[in-house]
Amino acid sequence: MSRTNDKTLKEAMQQMLKVYHLKGKFDETFAVKSWEEVVGKAVANRTKEIFIRDKKLFVRIESSVVKNELTIMRQQIIGNLNEKAGAEVVKEIIFL
């Protein structure tokens, strides 16, 4: 016997995030967490600070050489982070 209001855990979590208006923050956190996977361990080790505010990703990098390389790859990184998050979370990257 199947009930009509049965949901998978994934569906229930998505509904809860939507109802409590937490989906955006959840996606932002997931994108920040995916930073190492997107740019690689070597770059992630040189990353000192990373956060998202108003769809802008702020990244503090200690190496000017790495910062320059990331500036060149900016659009690719934005695309990969948004793909990982499953939503448009980042529109711009600002390197500090």
PDB file of N, CA and C in Angstrom:
ATOM      1  N   MET A   1       0.822  -1.175   0.000  1.00  0.00           N
ATOM      2  CA  MET A   1       0.000   0.000   0.000  1.00  0.00           C
ATOM      3  C   MET A   1       0.879   1.257   0.000  1.00  0.00           C
ATOM      4  N   SER A   2       0.704   2.072  -0.983  1.00  0.00           N
ATOM      5  CA  SER A   2       1.489   3.288  -1.093  1.00  0.00           C
ATOM      6  C   SER A   2       0.615   4.496  -0.775  1.00  0.00           C
ATOM      7  N   ARG A   3       1.151   5.372   0.023  1.00  0.00           N
ATOM      8  CA  ARG A   3       0.415   6.598   0.354  1.00  0.00           C
ATOM      9  C   ARG A   3       0.743   7.673  -0.668  1.00  0.00           C
ATOM     10  N   THR A   4      -0.175   8.559  -0.883  1.00  0.00           N
ATOM     11  CA  THR A   4       0.033   9.613  -1.883  1.00  0.00           C
ATOM     12  C   THR A   4       0.983  10.692  -1.399  1.00  0.00           C
ATOM     13  N   ASN A   5       1.178  10.818  -0.107  1.00  0.00           N
ATOM     14  CA  ASN A   5       2.064  11.862   0.394  1.00  0.00           C
ATOM     15  C   ASN A   5       3.453  11.333   0.755  1.00  0.00           C
ATOM     16  N   ASP A   6       3.788  10.105   0.348  1.00  0.00           N
ATOM     17  CA  ASP A   6       5.123   9.571   0.577  1.00  0.00           C
ATOM     18  C   ASP A   6       6.124  10.310  -0.293  1.00  0.00           C
ATOM     19  N   LYS A   7       7.275  10.633   0.296  1.00  0.00           N
ATOM     20  CA  LYS A   7       8.335  11.336  -0.420  1.00  0.00           C
ATOM     21  C   LYS A   7       9.660  10.698  -0.072  1.00  0.00           C
ATOM     22  N   THR A   8      10.587  10.820  -0.989  1.00  0.00           N
ATOM     23  CA  THR A   8      11.937  10.364  -0.688  1.00  0.00           C
ATOM     24  C   THR A   8      12.585  11.389   0.242  1.00  0.00           C
ATOM     25  N   LEU A   9      13.656  10.991   0.861  1.00  0.00           N
ATOM     26  CA  LEU A   9      14.365  11.900   1.760  1.00  0.00           C
ATOM     27  C   LEU A   9      14.872  13.115   0.989  1.00  0.00           C
ATOM     28  N   LYS A  10      15.361  12.885  -0.232  1.00  0.00           N
ATOM     29  CA  LYS A  10      15.859  13.987  -1.057  1.00  0.00           C
ATOM     30  C   LYS A  10      14.750  15.002  -1.343  1.00  0.00           C
ATOM     31  N   GLU A  11      13.578  14.515  -1.718  1.00  0.00           N
ATOM     32  CA  GLU A  11      12.452  15.404  -1.998  1.00  0.00           C
ATOM     33  C   GLU A  11      12.033  16.175  -0.759  1.00  0.00           C
ATOM     34  N   ALA A  12      12.028  15.503   0.384  1.00  0.00           N
ATOM     35  CA  ALA A  12      11.647  16.161   1.634  1.00  0.00           C
ATOM     36  C   ALA A  12      12.648  17.256   2.001  1.00  0.00           C
ATOM     37  N   MET A  13      13.940  16.976   1.823  1.00  0.00           N
ATOM     38  CA  MET A  13      14.970  17.979   2.137  1.00  0.00           C
ATOM     39  C   MET A  13      14.861  19.179   1.203  1.00  0.00           C
ATOM     40  N   GLN A  14      14.647  18.926  -0.086  1.00  0.00           N
ATOM     41  CA  GLN A  14      14.503  20.024  -1.037  1.00  0.00           C
ATOM     42  C   GLN A  14      13.286  20.880  -0.705  1.00  0.00           C
ATOM     43  N   GLN A  15      12.204  20.243  -0.340  1.00  0.00           N
ATOM     44  CA  GLN A  15      10.991  20.978   0.017  1.00  0.00           C
ATOM     45  C   GLN A  15      11.228  21.812   1.283  1.00  0.00           C
ATOM     46  N   MET A  16      11.911  21.242   2.269  1.00  0.00           N
ATOM     47  CA  MET A  16      12.196  21.956   3.504  1.00  0.00           C
ATOM     48  C   MET A  16      13.067  23.183   3.235  1.00  0.00           C
ATOM     49  N   LEU A  17      14.113  23.021   2.403  1.00  0.00           N
ATOM     50  CA  LEU A  17      14.985  24.145   2.067  1.00  0.00           C
ATOM     51  C   LEU A  17      14.207  25.253   1.365  1.00  0.00           C
ATOM     52  N   LYS A  18      13.288  24.864   0.509  1.00  0.00           N
ATOM     53  CA  LYS A  18      12.480  25.844  -0.223  1.00  0.00           C
ATOM     54  C   LYS A  18      11.515  26.570   0.709  1.00  0.00           C
ATOM     55  N   VAL A  19      10.834  25.831   1.570  1.00  0.00           N
ATOM     56  CA  VAL A  19       9.842  26.413   2.479  1.00  0.00           C
ATOM     57  C   VAL A  19      10.494  27.406   3.441  1.00  0.00           C
ATOM     58  N   TYR A  20      11.680  27.065   3.959  1.00  0.00           N
ATOM     59  CA  TYR A  20      12.350  27.928   4.932  1.00  0.00           C
ATOM     60  C   TYR A  20      13.315  28.924   4.278  1.00  0.00           C
ATOM     61  N   HIS A  21      13.264  29.036   2.943  1.00  0.00           N
ATOM     62  CA  HIS A  21      14.082  29.986   2.192  1.00  0.00           C
ATOM     63  C   HIS A  21      15.573  29.808   2.482  1.00  0.00           C
ATOM     64  N   LEU A  22      16.018  28.567   2.534  1.00  0.00           N
ATOM     65  CA  LEU A  22      17.417  28.253   2.802  1.00  0.00           C
ATOM     66  C   LEU A  22      18.144  27.704   1.582  1.00  0.00           C
ATOM     67  N   LYS A  23      17.431  27.490   0.491  1.00  0.00           N
ATOM     68  CA  LYS A  23      18.022  26.860  -0.686  1.00  0.00           C
ATOM     69  C   LYS A  23      19.192  27.677  -1.234  1.00  0.00           C
ATOM     70  N   GLY A  24      19.049  28.985  -1.314  1.00  0.00           N
ATOM     71  CA  GLY A  24      20.124  29.834  -1.828  1.00  0.00           C
ATOM     72  C   GLY A  24      21.378  29.732  -0.988  1.00  0.00           C
ATOM     73  N   LYS A  25      21.217  29.802   0.316  1.00  0.00           N
ATOM     74  CA  LYS A  25      22.367  29.717   1.217  1.00  0.00           C
ATOM     75  C   LYS A  25      23.005  28.335   1.160  1.00  0.00           C
ATOM     76  N   PHE A  26      22.157  27.309   1.049  1.00  0.00           N
ATOM     77  CA  PHE A  26      22.651  25.933   0.932  1.00  0.00           C
ATOM     78  C   PHE A  26      23.484  25.784  -0.339  1.00  0.00           C
ATOM     79  N   ASP A  27      22.999  26.319  -1.462  1.00  0.00           N
ATOM     80  CA  ASP A  27      23.727  26.248  -2.730  1.00  0.00           C
ATOM     81  C   ASP A  27      25.045  27.021  -2.653  1.00  0.00           C
ATOM     82  N   GLU A  28      25.042  28.180  -2.000  1.00  0.00           N
ATOM     83  CA  GLU A  28      26.273  28.960  -1.831  1.00  0.00           C
ATOM     84  C   GLU A  28      27.303  28.180  -1.031  1.00  0.00           C
ATOM     85  N   THR A  29      26.866  27.577   0.053  1.00  0.00           N
ATOM     86  CA  THR A  29      27.769  26.797   0.894  1.00  0.00           C
ATOM     87  C   THR A  29      28.336  25.614   0.113  1.00  0.00           C
ATOM     88  N   PHE A  30      27.509  24.980  -0.686  1.00  0.00           N
ATOM     89  CA  PHE A  30      27.963  23.849  -1.486  1.00  0.00           C
ATOM     90  C   PHE A  30      29.000  24.303  -2.516  1.00  0.00           C
ATOM     91  N   ALA A  31      28.800  25.468  -3.119  1.00  0.00           N
ATOM     92  CA  ALA A  31      29.755  25.990  -4.102  1.00  0.00           C
ATOM     93  C   ALA A  31      31.098  26.292  -3.444  1.00  0.00           C
ATOM     94  N   VAL A  32      31.080  26.904  -2.267  1.00  0.00           N
ATOM     95  CA  VAL A  32      32.320  27.201  -1.548  1.00  0.00           C
ATOM     96  C   VAL A  32      33.032  25.901  -1.179  1.00  0.00           C
ATOM     97  N   LYS A  33      32.273  24.922  -0.744  1.00  0.00           N
ATOM     98  CA  LYS A  33      32.847  23.625  -0.381  1.00  0.00           C
ATOM     99  C   LYS A  33      33.456  22.921  -1.595  1.00  0.00           C
ATOM    100  N   SER A  34      32.934  23.188  -2.784  1.00  0.00           N
ATOM    101  CA  SER A  34      33.420  22.559  -4.015  1.00  0.00           C
ATOM    102  C   SER A  34      34.663  23.242  -4.585  1.00  0.00           C
ATOM    103  N   TRP A  35      35.123  24.313  -3.977  1.00  0.00           N
ATOM    104  CA  TRP A  35      36.253  25.096  -4.487  1.00  0.00           C
ATOM    105  C   TRP A  35      37.470  24.217  -4.772  1.00  0.00           C
ATOM    106  N   GLU A  36      37.870  23.385  -3.821  1.00  0.00           N
ATOM    107  CA  GLU A  36      39.057  22.543  -3.996  1.00  0.00           C
ATOM    108  C   GLU A  36      38.874  21.573  -5.167  1.00  0.00           C
ATOM    109  N   GLU A  37      37.698  21.009  -5.289  1.00  0.00           N
ATOM    110  CA  GLU A  37      37.427  20.064  -6.363  1.00  0.00           C
ATOM    111  C   GLU A  37      37.480  20.751  -7.732  1.00  0.00           C
ATOM    112  N   VAL A  38      37.050  22.001  -7.805  1.00  0.00           N
ATOM    113  CA  VAL A  38      37.000  22.728  -9.072  1.00  0.00           C
ATOM    114  C   VAL A  38      38.380  23.228  -9.489  1.00  0.00           C
ATOM    115  N   VAL A  39      39.147  23.789  -8.555  1.00  0.00           N
ATOM    116  CA  VAL A  39      40.433  24.401  -8.917  1.00  0.00           C
ATOM    117  C   VAL A  39      41.632  23.512  -8.637  1.00  0.00           C
ATOM    118  N   GLY A  40      41.468  22.470  -7.866  1.00  0.00           N
ATOM    119  CA  GLY A  40      42.577  21.578  -7.551  1.00  0.00           C
ATOM    120  C   GLY A  40      43.169  21.853  -6.183  1.00  0.00           C
ATOM    121  N   LYS A  41      43.861  20.851  -5.673  1.00  0.00           N
ATOM    122  CA  LYS A  41      44.401  20.926  -4.315  1.00  0.00           C
ATOM    123  C   LYS A  41      45.508  21.974  -4.182  1.00  0.00           C
ATOM    124  N   ALA A  42      46.356  22.104  -5.197  1.00  0.00           N
ATOM    125  CA  ALA A  42      47.465  23.066  -5.125  1.00  0.00           C
ATOM    126  C   ALA A  42      46.955  24.494  -4.980  1.00  0.00           C
ATOM    127  N   VAL A  43      45.933  24.847  -5.751  1.00  0.00           N
ATOM    128  CA  VAL A  43      45.358  26.198  -5.676  1.00  0.00           C
ATOM    129  C   VAL A  43      44.588  26.358  -4.368  1.00  0.00           C
ATOM    130  N   ALA A  44      43.847  25.336  -3.977  1.00  0.00           N
ATOM    131  CA  ALA A  44      43.069  25.400  -2.735  1.00  0.00           C
ATOM    132  C   ALA A  44      43.973  25.600  -1.526  1.00  0.00           C
ATOM    133  N   ASN A  45      45.167  25.031  -1.551  1.00  0.00           N
ATOM    134  CA  ASN A  45      46.108  25.210  -0.442  1.00  0.00           C
ATOM    135  C   ASN A  45      46.616  26.640  -0.347  1.00  0.00           C
ATOM    136  N   ARG A  46      46.591  27.368  -1.457  1.00  0.00           N
ATOM    137  CA  ARG A  46      47.031  28.768  -1.460  1.00  0.00           C
ATOM    138  C   ARG A  46      45.875  29.739  -1.250  1.00  0.00           C
ATOM    139  N   THR A  47      44.680  29.197  -1.092  1.00  0.00           N
ATOM    140  CA  THR A  47      43.492  30.020  -0.844  1.00  0.00           C
ATOM    141  C   THR A  47      43.382  30.279   0.652  1.00  0.00           C
ATOM    142  N   LYS A  48      43.370  31.529   1.025  1.00  0.00           N
ATOM    143  CA  LYS A  48      43.314  31.890   2.436  1.00  0.00           C
ATOM    144  C   LYS A  48      41.901  32.161   2.929  1.00  0.00           C
ATOM    145  N   GLU A  49      41.051  32.675   2.057  1.00  0.00           N
ATOM    146  CA  GLU A  49      39.681  33.022   2.457  1.00  0.00           C
ATOM    147  C   GLU A  49      38.785  32.929   1.236  1.00  0.00           C
ATOM    148  N   ILE A  50      37.565  32.438   1.442  1.00  0.00           N
ATOM    149  CA  ILE A  50      36.617  32.319   0.336  1.00  0.00           C
ATOM    150  C   ILE A  50      35.200  32.453   0.893  1.00  0.00           C
ATOM    151  N   PHE A  51      34.403  33.323   0.274  1.00  0.00           N
ATOM    152  CA  PHE A  51      33.011  33.485   0.688  1.00  0.00           C
ATOM    153  C   PHE A  51      32.211  34.094  -0.457  1.00  0.00           C
ATOM    154  N   ILE A  52      30.893  33.958  -0.378  1.00  0.00           N
ATOM    155  CA  ILE A  52      29.996  34.487  -1.405  1.00  0.00           C
ATOM    156  C   ILE A  52      29.092  35.536  -0.772  1.00  0.00           C
ATOM    157  N   ARG A  53      28.965  36.670  -1.483  1.00  0.00           N
ATOM    158  CA  ARG A  53      28.048  37.719  -1.062  1.00  0.00           C
ATOM    159  C   ARG A  53      27.443  38.342  -2.319  1.00  0.00           C
ATOM    160  N   ASP A  54      26.140  38.365  -2.401  1.00  0.00           N
ATOM    161  CA  ASP A  54      25.416  38.950  -3.544  1.00  0.00           C
ATOM    162  C   ASP A  54      25.860  38.340  -4.875  1.00  0.00           C
ATOM    163  N   LYS A  55      25.964  37.030  -4.923  1.00  0.00           N
ATOM    164  CA  LYS A  55      26.354  36.265  -6.113  1.00  0.00           C
ATOM    165  C   LYS A  55      27.756  36.601  -6.601  1.00  0.00           C
ATOM    166  N   LYS A  56      28.571  37.173  -5.730  1.00  0.00           N
ATOM    167  CA  LYS A  56      29.976  37.434  -6.038  1.00  0.00           C
ATOM    168  C   LYS A  56      30.823  36.559  -5.130  1.00  0.00           C
ATOM    169  N   LEU A  57      31.740  35.824  -5.736  1.00  0.00           N
ATOM    170  CA  LEU A  57      32.643  34.967  -4.978  1.00  0.00           C
ATOM    171  C   LEU A  57      33.913  35.751  -4.690  1.00  0.00           C
ATOM    172  N   PHE A  58      34.215  35.931  -3.421  1.00  0.00           N
ATOM    173  CA  PHE A  58      35.417  36.633  -3.003  1.00  0.00           C
ATOM    174  C   PHE A  58      36.444  35.596  -2.581  1.00  0.00           C
ATOM    175  N   VAL A  59      37.639  35.680  -3.181  1.00  0.00           N
ATOM    176  CA  VAL A  59      38.685  34.699  -2.908  1.00  0.00           C
ATOM    177  C   VAL A  59      39.981  35.430  -2.608  1.00  0.00           C
ATOM    178  N   ARG A  60      40.578  35.117  -1.463  1.00  0.00           N
ATOM    179  CA  ARG A  60      41.889  35.686  -1.110  1.00  0.00           C
ATOM    180  C   ARG A  60      42.948  34.624  -1.398  1.00  0.00           C
ATOM    181  N   ILE A  61      43.849  34.949  -2.321  1.00  0.00           N
ATOM    182  CA  ILE A  61      44.911  34.040  -2.746  1.00  0.00           C
ATOM    183  C   ILE A  61      46.248  34.645  -2.311  1.00  0.00           C
ATOM    184  N   GLU A  62      47.131  33.814  -1.763  1.00  0.00           N
ATOM    185  CA  GLU A  62      48.412  34.331  -1.272  1.00  0.00           C
ATOM    186  C   GLU A  62      49.459  34.462  -2.380  1.00  0.00           C
ATOM    187  N   SER A  63      49.270  33.810  -3.502  1.00  0.00           N
ATOM    188  CA  SER A  63      50.252  33.833  -4.583  1.00  0.00           C
ATOM    189  C   SER A  63      49.741  34.678  -5.750  1.00  0.00           C
ATOM    190  N   SER A  64      50.533  35.666  -6.154  1.00  0.00           N
ATOM    191  CA  SER A  64      50.118  36.514  -7.269  1.00  0.00           C
ATOM    192  C   SER A  64      50.131  35.745  -8.588  1.00  0.00           C
ATOM    193  N   VAL A  65      50.995  34.759  -8.722  1.00  0.00           N
ATOM    194  CA  VAL A  65      51.048  33.949  -9.933  1.00  0.00           C
ATOM    195  C   VAL A  65      49.766  33.123 -10.064  1.00  0.00           C
ATOM    196  N   VAL A  66      49.343  32.498  -8.974  1.00  0.00           N
ATOM    197  CA  VAL A  66      48.111  31.708  -8.968  1.00  0.00           C
ATOM    198  C   VAL A  66      46.919  32.616  -9.213  1.00  0.00           C
ATOM    199  N   LYS A  67      46.919  33.786  -8.602  1.00  0.00           N
ATOM    200  CA  LYS A  67      45.823  34.746  -8.788  1.00  0.00           C
ATOM    201  C   LYS A  67      45.693  35.137 -10.258  1.00  0.00           C
ATOM    202  N   ASN A  68      46.818  35.350 -10.934  1.00  0.00           N
ATOM    203  CA  ASN A  68      46.803  35.705 -12.348  1.00  0.00           C
ATOM    204  C   ASN A  68      46.243  34.560 -13.190  1.00  0.00           C
ATOM    205  N   GLU A  69      46.643  33.332 -12.916  1.00  0.00           N
ATOM    206  CA  GLU A  69      46.137  32.171 -13.654  1.00  0.00           C
ATOM    207  C   GLU A  69      44.627  32.010 -13.447  1.00  0.00           C
ATOM    208  N   LEU A  70      44.170  32.210 -12.222  1.00  0.00           N
ATOM    209  CA  LEU A  70      42.743  32.087 -11.935  1.00  0.00           C
ATOM    210  C   LEU A  70      41.940  33.190 -12.613  1.00  0.00           C
ATOM    211  N   THR A  71      42.521  34.370 -12.735  1.00  0.00           N
ATOM    212  CA  THR A  71      41.852  35.477 -13.419  1.00  0.00           C
ATOM    213  C   THR A  71      41.599  35.117 -14.877  1.00  0.00           C
ATOM    214  N   ILE A  72      42.554  34.452 -15.490  1.00  0.00           N
ATOM    215  CA  ILE A  72      42.405  34.030 -16.879  1.00  0.00           C
ATOM    216  C   ILE A  72      41.306  32.973 -17.007  1.00  0.00           C
ATOM    217  N   MET A  73      41.186  32.098 -16.024  1.00  0.00           N
ATOM    218  CA  MET A  73      40.221  30.990 -16.056  1.00  0.00           C
ATOM    219  C   MET A  73      38.902  31.339 -15.372  1.00  0.00           C
ATOM    220  N   ARG A  74      38.658  32.593 -15.101  1.00  0.00           N
ATOM    221  CA  ARG A  74      37.516  33.050 -14.305  1.00  0.00           C
ATOM    222  C   ARG A  74      36.173  32.483 -14.785  1.00  0.00           C
ATOM    223  N   GLN A  75      35.861  32.600 -16.059  1.00  0.00           N
ATOM    224  CA  GLN A  75      34.558  32.155 -16.570  1.00  0.00           C
ATOM    225  C   GLN A  75      34.387  30.641 -16.465  1.00  0.00           C
ATOM    226  N   GLN A  76      35.458  29.913 -16.694  1.00  0.00           N
ATOM    227  CA  GLN A  76      35.404  28.457 -16.576  1.00  0.00           C
ATOM    228  C   GLN A  76      35.140  28.046 -15.126  1.00  0.00           C
ATOM    229  N   ILE A  77      35.776  28.719 -14.189  1.00  0.00           N
ATOM    230  CA  ILE A  77      35.587  28.423 -12.760  1.00  0.00           C
ATOM    231  C   ILE A  77      34.151  28.724 -12.352  1.00  0.00           C
ATOM    232  N   ILE A  78      33.617  29.851 -12.798  1.00  0.00           N
ATOM    233  CA  ILE A  78      32.227  30.218 -12.486  1.00  0.00           C
ATOM    234  C   ILE A  78      31.278  29.143 -13.004  1.00  0.00           C
ATOM    235  N   GLY A  79      31.483  28.716 -14.232  1.00  0.00           N
ATOM    236  CA  GLY A  79      30.640  27.676 -14.811  1.00  0.00           C
ATOM    237  C   GLY A  79      30.705  26.375 -14.036  1.00  0.00           C
ATOM    238  N   ASN A  80      31.911  25.967 -13.651  1.00  0.00           N
ATOM    239  CA  ASN A  80      32.074  24.719 -12.903  1.00  0.00           C
ATOM    240  C   ASN A  80      31.453  24.792 -11.511  1.00  0.00           C
ATOM    241  N   LEU A  81      31.613  25.914 -10.834  1.00  0.00           N
ATOM    242  CA  LEU A  81      31.019  26.061  -9.496  1.00  0.00           C
ATOM    243  C   LEU A  81      29.494  26.043  -9.570  1.00  0.00           C
ATOM    244  N   ASN A  82      28.936  26.742 -10.543  1.00  0.00           N
ATOM    245  CA  ASN A  82      27.476  26.760 -10.700  1.00  0.00           C
ATOM    246  C   ASN A  82      26.945  25.382 -11.077  1.00  0.00           C
ATOM    247  N   GLU A  83      27.698  24.663 -11.887  1.00  0.00           N
ATOM    248  CA  GLU A  83      27.301  23.307 -12.260  1.00  0.00           C
ATOM    249  C   GLU A  83      27.298  22.394 -11.037  1.00  0.00           C
ATOM    250  N   LYS A  84      28.316  22.506 -10.204  1.00  0.00           N
ATOM    251  CA  LYS A  84      28.391  21.694  -8.978  1.00  0.00           C
ATOM    252  C   LYS A  84      27.233  22.014  -8.041  1.00  0.00           C
ATOM    253  N   ALA A  85      26.909  23.298  -7.917  1.00  0.00           N
ATOM    254  CA  ALA A  85      25.841  23.715  -7.008  1.00  0.00           C
ATOM    255  C   ALA A  85      24.460  23.411  -7.568  1.00  0.00           C
ATOM    256  N   GLY A  86      24.362  23.260  -8.869  1.00  0.00           N
ATOM    257  CA  GLY A  86      23.073  22.977  -9.485  1.00  0.00           C
ATOM    258  C   GLY A  86      22.193  24.203  -9.642  1.00  0.00           C
ATOM    259  N   ALA A  87      22.783  25.377  -9.500  1.00  0.00           N
ATOM    260  CA  ALA A  87      22.044  26.637  -9.638  1.00  0.00           C
ATOM    261  C   ALA A  87      23.052  27.742  -9.934  1.00  0.00           C
ATOM    262  N   GLU A  88      22.559  28.893 -10.390  1.00  0.00           N
ATOM    263  CA  GLU A  88      23.462  30.019 -10.607  1.00  0.00           C
ATOM    264  C   GLU A  88      23.720  30.708  -9.268  1.00  0.00           C
ATOM    265  N   VAL A  89      24.820  30.345  -8.673  1.00  0.00           N
ATOM    266  CA  VAL A  89      25.181  30.851  -7.352  1.00  0.00           C
ATOM    267  C   VAL A  89      26.207  31.970  -7.493  1.00  0.00           C
ATOM    268  N   VAL A  90      27.094  31.857  -8.479  1.00  0.00           N
ATOM    269  CA  VAL A  90      28.179  32.814  -8.667  1.00  0.00           C
ATOM    270  C   VAL A  90      28.052  33.456 -10.040  1.00  0.00           C
ATOM    271  N   LYS A  91      28.059  34.783 -10.059  1.00  0.00           N
ATOM    272  CA  LYS A  91      28.057  35.520 -11.331  1.00  0.00           C
ATOM    273  C   LYS A  91      29.409  36.161 -11.603  1.00  0.00           C
ATOM    274  N   GLU A  92      30.173  36.391 -10.535  1.00  0.00           N
ATOM    275  CA  GLU A  92      31.431  37.111 -10.660  1.00  0.00           C
ATOM    276  C   GLU A  92      32.403  36.603  -9.603  1.00  0.00           C
ATOM    277  N   ILE A  93      33.687  36.593  -9.929  1.00  0.00           N
ATOM    278  CA  ILE A  93      34.719  36.244  -8.951  1.00  0.00           C
ATOM    279  C   ILE A  93      35.603  37.454  -8.749  1.00  0.00           C
ATOM    280  N   ILE A  94      35.838  37.766  -7.493  1.00  0.00           N
ATOM    281  CA  ILE A  94      36.723  38.884  -7.148  1.00  0.00           C
ATOM    282  C   ILE A  94      37.883  38.314  -6.347  1.00  0.00           C
ATOM    283  N   PHE A  95      39.097  38.513  -6.873  1.00  0.00           N
ATOM    284  CA  PHE A  95      40.291  38.018  -6.204  1.00  0.00           C
ATOM    285  C   PHE A  95      40.859  39.129  -5.340  1.00  0.00           C
ATOM    286  N   LEU A  96      41.087  38.819  -4.084  1.00  0.00           N
ATOM    287  CA  LEU A  96      41.594  39.803  -3.128  1.00  0.00           C
ATOM    288  C   LEU A  96      43.077  39.621  -2.909  1.00  0.00           C
TER     289      LEU A  96
END
